Amino acid sequence: MLRKVMTLALIGSSLTIAACNTVRGAAKDVNSAANTVDNAI
């Protein structure tokens, strides 16, 4: 039972960390695009 709980906790934390990195990357891309548009004007 403990092994299943630990496995689920590890999988859940891995998915959370991966999602955080994806959101940060998307935010950087959007920020970069906004800066490019601002500099072009």
PDB file of N, CA and C in Angstrom:
ATOM      1  N   MET A   1       0.827  -1.197   0.000  1.00  0.00           N
ATOM      2  CA  MET A   1       0.000   0.000   0.000  1.00  0.00           C
ATOM      3  C   MET A   1       0.872   1.262   0.000  1.00  0.00           C
ATOM      4  N   LEU A   2       1.872   1.257   0.851  1.00  0.00           N
ATOM      5  CA  LEU A   2       2.760   2.421   0.930  1.00  0.00           C
ATOM      6  C   LEU A   2       3.497   2.635  -0.387  1.00  0.00           C
ATOM      7  N   ARG A   3       3.844   1.539  -1.030  1.00  0.00           N
ATOM      8  CA  ARG A   3       4.554   1.642  -2.307  1.00  0.00           C
ATOM      9  C   ARG A   3       3.685   2.310  -3.371  1.00  0.00           C
ATOM     10  N   LYS A   4       2.395   1.988  -3.401  1.00  0.00           N
ATOM     11  CA  LYS A   4       1.473   2.604  -4.362  1.00  0.00           C
ATOM     12  C   LYS A   4       1.317   4.095  -4.096  1.00  0.00           C
ATOM     13  N   VAL A   5       1.211   4.445  -2.828  1.00  0.00           N
ATOM     14  CA  VAL A   5       1.065   5.858  -2.464  1.00  0.00           C
ATOM     15  C   VAL A   5       2.310   6.644  -2.864  1.00  0.00           C
ATOM     16  N   MET A   6       3.480   6.073  -2.597  1.00  0.00           N
ATOM     17  CA  MET A   6       4.723   6.761  -2.957  1.00  0.00           C
ATOM     18  C   MET A   6       4.863   6.892  -4.470  1.00  0.00           C
ATOM     19  N   THR A   7       4.465   5.864  -5.214  1.00  0.00           N
ATOM     20  CA  THR A   7       4.531   5.917  -6.671  1.00  0.00           C
ATOM     21  C   THR A   7       3.615   7.007  -7.205  1.00  0.00           C
ATOM     22  N   LEU A   8       2.392   7.059  -6.697  1.00  0.00           N
ATOM     23  CA  LEU A   8       1.454   8.100  -7.138  1.00  0.00           C
ATOM     24  C   LEU A   8       1.953   9.494  -6.774  1.00  0.00           C
ATOM     25  N   ALA A   9       2.557   9.644  -5.599  1.00  0.00           N
ATOM     26  CA  ALA A   9       3.093  10.941  -5.191  1.00  0.00           C
ATOM     27  C   ALA A   9       4.233  11.373  -6.115  1.00  0.00           C
ATOM     28  N   LEU A  10       5.110  10.445  -6.466  1.00  0.00           N
ATOM     29  CA  LEU A  10       6.226  10.777  -7.366  1.00  0.00           C
ATOM     30  C   LEU A  10       5.733  11.145  -8.760  1.00  0.00           C
ATOM     31  N   ILE A  11       4.762  10.405  -9.267  1.00  0.00           N
ATOM     32  CA  ILE A  11       4.213  10.714 -10.593  1.00  0.00           C
ATOM     33  C   ILE A  11       3.524  12.072 -10.569  1.00  0.00           C
ATOM     34  N   GLY A  12       2.753  12.329  -9.533  1.00  0.00           N
ATOM     35  CA  GLY A  12       2.057  13.619  -9.417  1.00  0.00           C
ATOM     36  C   GLY A  12       3.015  14.790  -9.322  1.00  0.00           C
ATOM     37  N   SER A  13       4.070  14.640  -8.528  1.00  0.00           N
ATOM     38  CA  SER A  13       5.025  15.743  -8.401  1.00  0.00           C
ATOM     39  C   SER A  13       5.807  15.944  -9.697  1.00  0.00           C
ATOM     40  N   SER A  14       6.106  14.873 -10.404  1.00  0.00           N
ATOM     41  CA  SER A  14       6.802  15.004 -11.692  1.00  0.00           C
ATOM     42  C   SER A  14       5.949  15.751 -12.704  1.00  0.00           C
ATOM     43  N   LEU A  15       4.665  15.431 -12.753  1.00  0.00           N
ATOM     44  CA  LEU A  15       3.765  16.124 -13.675  1.00  0.00           C
ATOM     45  C   LEU A  15       3.624  17.598 -13.306  1.00  0.00           C
ATOM     46  N   THR A  16       3.589  17.887 -12.024  1.00  0.00           N
ATOM     47  CA  THR A  16       3.474  19.281 -11.573  1.00  0.00           C
ATOM     48  C   THR A  16       4.704  20.080 -11.973  1.00  0.00           C
ATOM     49  N   ILE A  17       5.875  19.504 -11.778  1.00  0.00           N
ATOM     50  CA  ILE A  17       7.118  20.193 -12.139  1.00  0.00           C
ATOM     51  C   ILE A  17       7.188  20.409 -13.648  1.00  0.00           C
ATOM     52  N   ALA A  18       6.803  19.413 -14.416  1.00  0.00           N
ATOM     53  CA  ALA A  18       6.826  19.529 -15.876  1.00  0.00           C
ATOM     54  C   ALA A  18       5.854  20.610 -16.341  1.00  0.00           C
ATOM     55  N   ALA A  19       4.688  20.675 -15.735  1.00  0.00           N
ATOM     56  CA  ALA A  19       3.703  21.688 -16.111  1.00  0.00           C
ATOM     57  C   ALA A  19       4.218  23.080 -15.776  1.00  0.00           C
ATOM     58  N   CYS A  20       4.887  23.225 -14.654  1.00  0.00           N
ATOM     59  CA  CYS A  20       5.437  24.524 -14.262  1.00  0.00           C
ATOM     60  C   CYS A  20       6.448  25.002 -15.305  1.00  0.00           C
ATOM     61  N   ASN A  21       7.323  24.129 -15.710  1.00  0.00           N
ATOM     62  CA  ASN A  21       8.331  24.501 -16.704  1.00  0.00           C
ATOM     63  C   ASN A  21       7.684  24.864 -18.032  1.00  0.00           C
ATOM     64  N   THR A  22       6.630  24.159 -18.407  1.00  0.00           N
ATOM     65  CA  THR A  22       5.944  24.453 -19.657  1.00  0.00           C
ATOM     66  C   THR A  22       5.289  25.826 -19.604  1.00  0.00           C
ATOM     67  N   VAL A  23       4.653  26.145 -18.496  1.00  0.00           N
ATOM     68  CA  VAL A  23       3.997  27.445 -18.350  1.00  0.00           C
ATOM     69  C   VAL A  23       5.033  28.566 -18.347  1.00  0.00           C
ATOM     70  N   ARG A  24       6.142  28.355 -17.676  1.00  0.00           N
ATOM     71  CA  ARG A  24       7.210  29.371 -17.674  1.00  0.00           C
ATOM     72  C   ARG A  24       7.746  29.609 -19.076  1.00  0.00           C
ATOM     73  N   GLY A  25       7.933  28.537 -19.833  1.00  0.00           N
ATOM     74  CA  GLY A  25       8.424  28.666 -21.204  1.00  0.00           C
ATOM     75  C   GLY A  25       7.433  29.411 -22.080  1.00  0.00           C
ATOM     76  N   ALA A  26       6.151  29.102 -21.909  1.00  0.00           N
ATOM     77  CA  ALA A  26       5.120  29.795 -22.684  1.00  0.00           C
ATOM     78  C   ALA A  26       5.083  31.273 -22.316  1.00  0.00           C
ATOM     79  N   ALA A  27       5.236  31.576 -21.044  1.00  0.00           N
ATOM     80  CA  ALA A  27       5.234  32.977 -20.605  1.00  0.00           C
ATOM     81  C   ALA A  27       6.428  33.729 -21.198  1.00  0.00           C
ATOM     82  N   LYS A  28       7.573  33.073 -21.255  1.00  0.00           N
ATOM     83  CA  LYS A  28       8.752  33.719 -21.849  1.00  0.00           C
ATOM     84  C   LYS A  28       8.529  33.987 -23.337  1.00  0.00           C
ATOM     85  N   ASP A  29       7.896  33.034 -24.035  1.00  0.00           N
ATOM     86  CA  ASP A  29       7.622  33.217 -25.457  1.00  0.00           C
ATOM     87  C   ASP A  29       6.674  34.383 -25.690  1.00  0.00           C
ATOM     88  N   VAL A  30       5.621  34.455 -24.897  1.00  0.00           N
ATOM     89  CA  VAL A  30       4.657  35.555 -25.041  1.00  0.00           C
ATOM     90  C   VAL A  30       5.321  36.889 -24.721  1.00  0.00           C
ATOM     91  N   ASN A  31       6.139  36.912 -23.688  1.00  0.00           N
ATOM     92  CA  ASN A  31       6.842  38.143 -23.316  1.00  0.00           C
ATOM     93  C   ASN A  31       7.803  38.569 -24.413  1.00  0.00           C
ATOM     94  N   SER A  32       8.481  37.622 -25.005  1.00  0.00           N
ATOM     95  CA  SER A  32       9.410  37.927 -26.092  1.00  0.00           C
ATOM     96  C   SER A  32       8.669  38.491 -27.304  1.00  0.00           C
ATOM     97  N   ALA A  33       7.529  37.903 -27.631  1.00  0.00           N
ATOM     98  CA  ALA A  33       6.737  38.395 -28.754  1.00  0.00           C
ATOM     99  C   ALA A  33       6.225  39.802 -28.474  1.00  0.00           C
ATOM    100  N   ALA A  34       5.805  40.071 -27.253  1.00  0.00           N
ATOM    101  CA  ALA A  34       5.323  41.402 -26.895  1.00  0.00           C
ATOM    102  C   ALA A  34       6.440  42.425 -26.985  1.00  0.00           C
ATOM    103  N   ASN A  35       7.632  42.064 -26.545  1.00  0.00           N
ATOM    104  CA  ASN A  35       8.770  42.980 -26.632  1.00  0.00           C
ATOM    105  C   ASN A  35       9.137  43.261 -28.081  1.00  0.00           C
ATOM    106  N   THR A  36       9.061  42.270 -28.934  1.00  0.00           N
ATOM    107  CA  THR A  36       9.362  42.454 -30.351  1.00  0.00           C
ATOM    108  C   THR A  36       8.379  43.410 -30.991  1.00  0.00           C
ATOM    109  N   VAL A  37       7.105  43.260 -30.678  1.00  0.00           N
ATOM    110  CA  VAL A  37       6.082  44.166 -31.215  1.00  0.00           C
ATOM    111  C   VAL A  37       6.300  45.583 -30.701  1.00  0.00           C
ATOM    112  N   ASP A  38       6.608  45.724 -29.403  1.00  0.00           N
ATOM    113  CA  ASP A  38       6.846  47.056 -28.832  1.00  0.00           C
ATOM    114  C   ASP A  38       8.050  47.734 -29.487  1.00  0.00           C
ATOM    115  N   ASN A  39       9.089  46.975 -29.757  1.00  0.00           N
ATOM    116  CA  ASN A  39      10.303  47.550 -30.356  1.00  0.00           C
ATOM    117  C   ASN A  39      10.073  47.918 -31.824  1.00  0.00           C
ATOM    118  N   ALA A  40       9.147  47.238 -32.487  1.00  0.00           N
ATOM    119  CA  ALA A  40       8.891  47.513 -33.892  1.00  0.00           C
ATOM    120  C   ALA A  40       8.093  48.802 -34.085  1.00  0.00           C
ATOM    121  N   ILE A  41       7.385  49.197 -33.070  1.00  0.00           N
ATOM    122  CA  ILE A  41       6.513  50.398 -33.203  1.00  0.00           C
ATOM    123  C   ILE A  41       7.300  51.656 -33.022  1.00  0.00           C
TER     124      ILE A  41
END
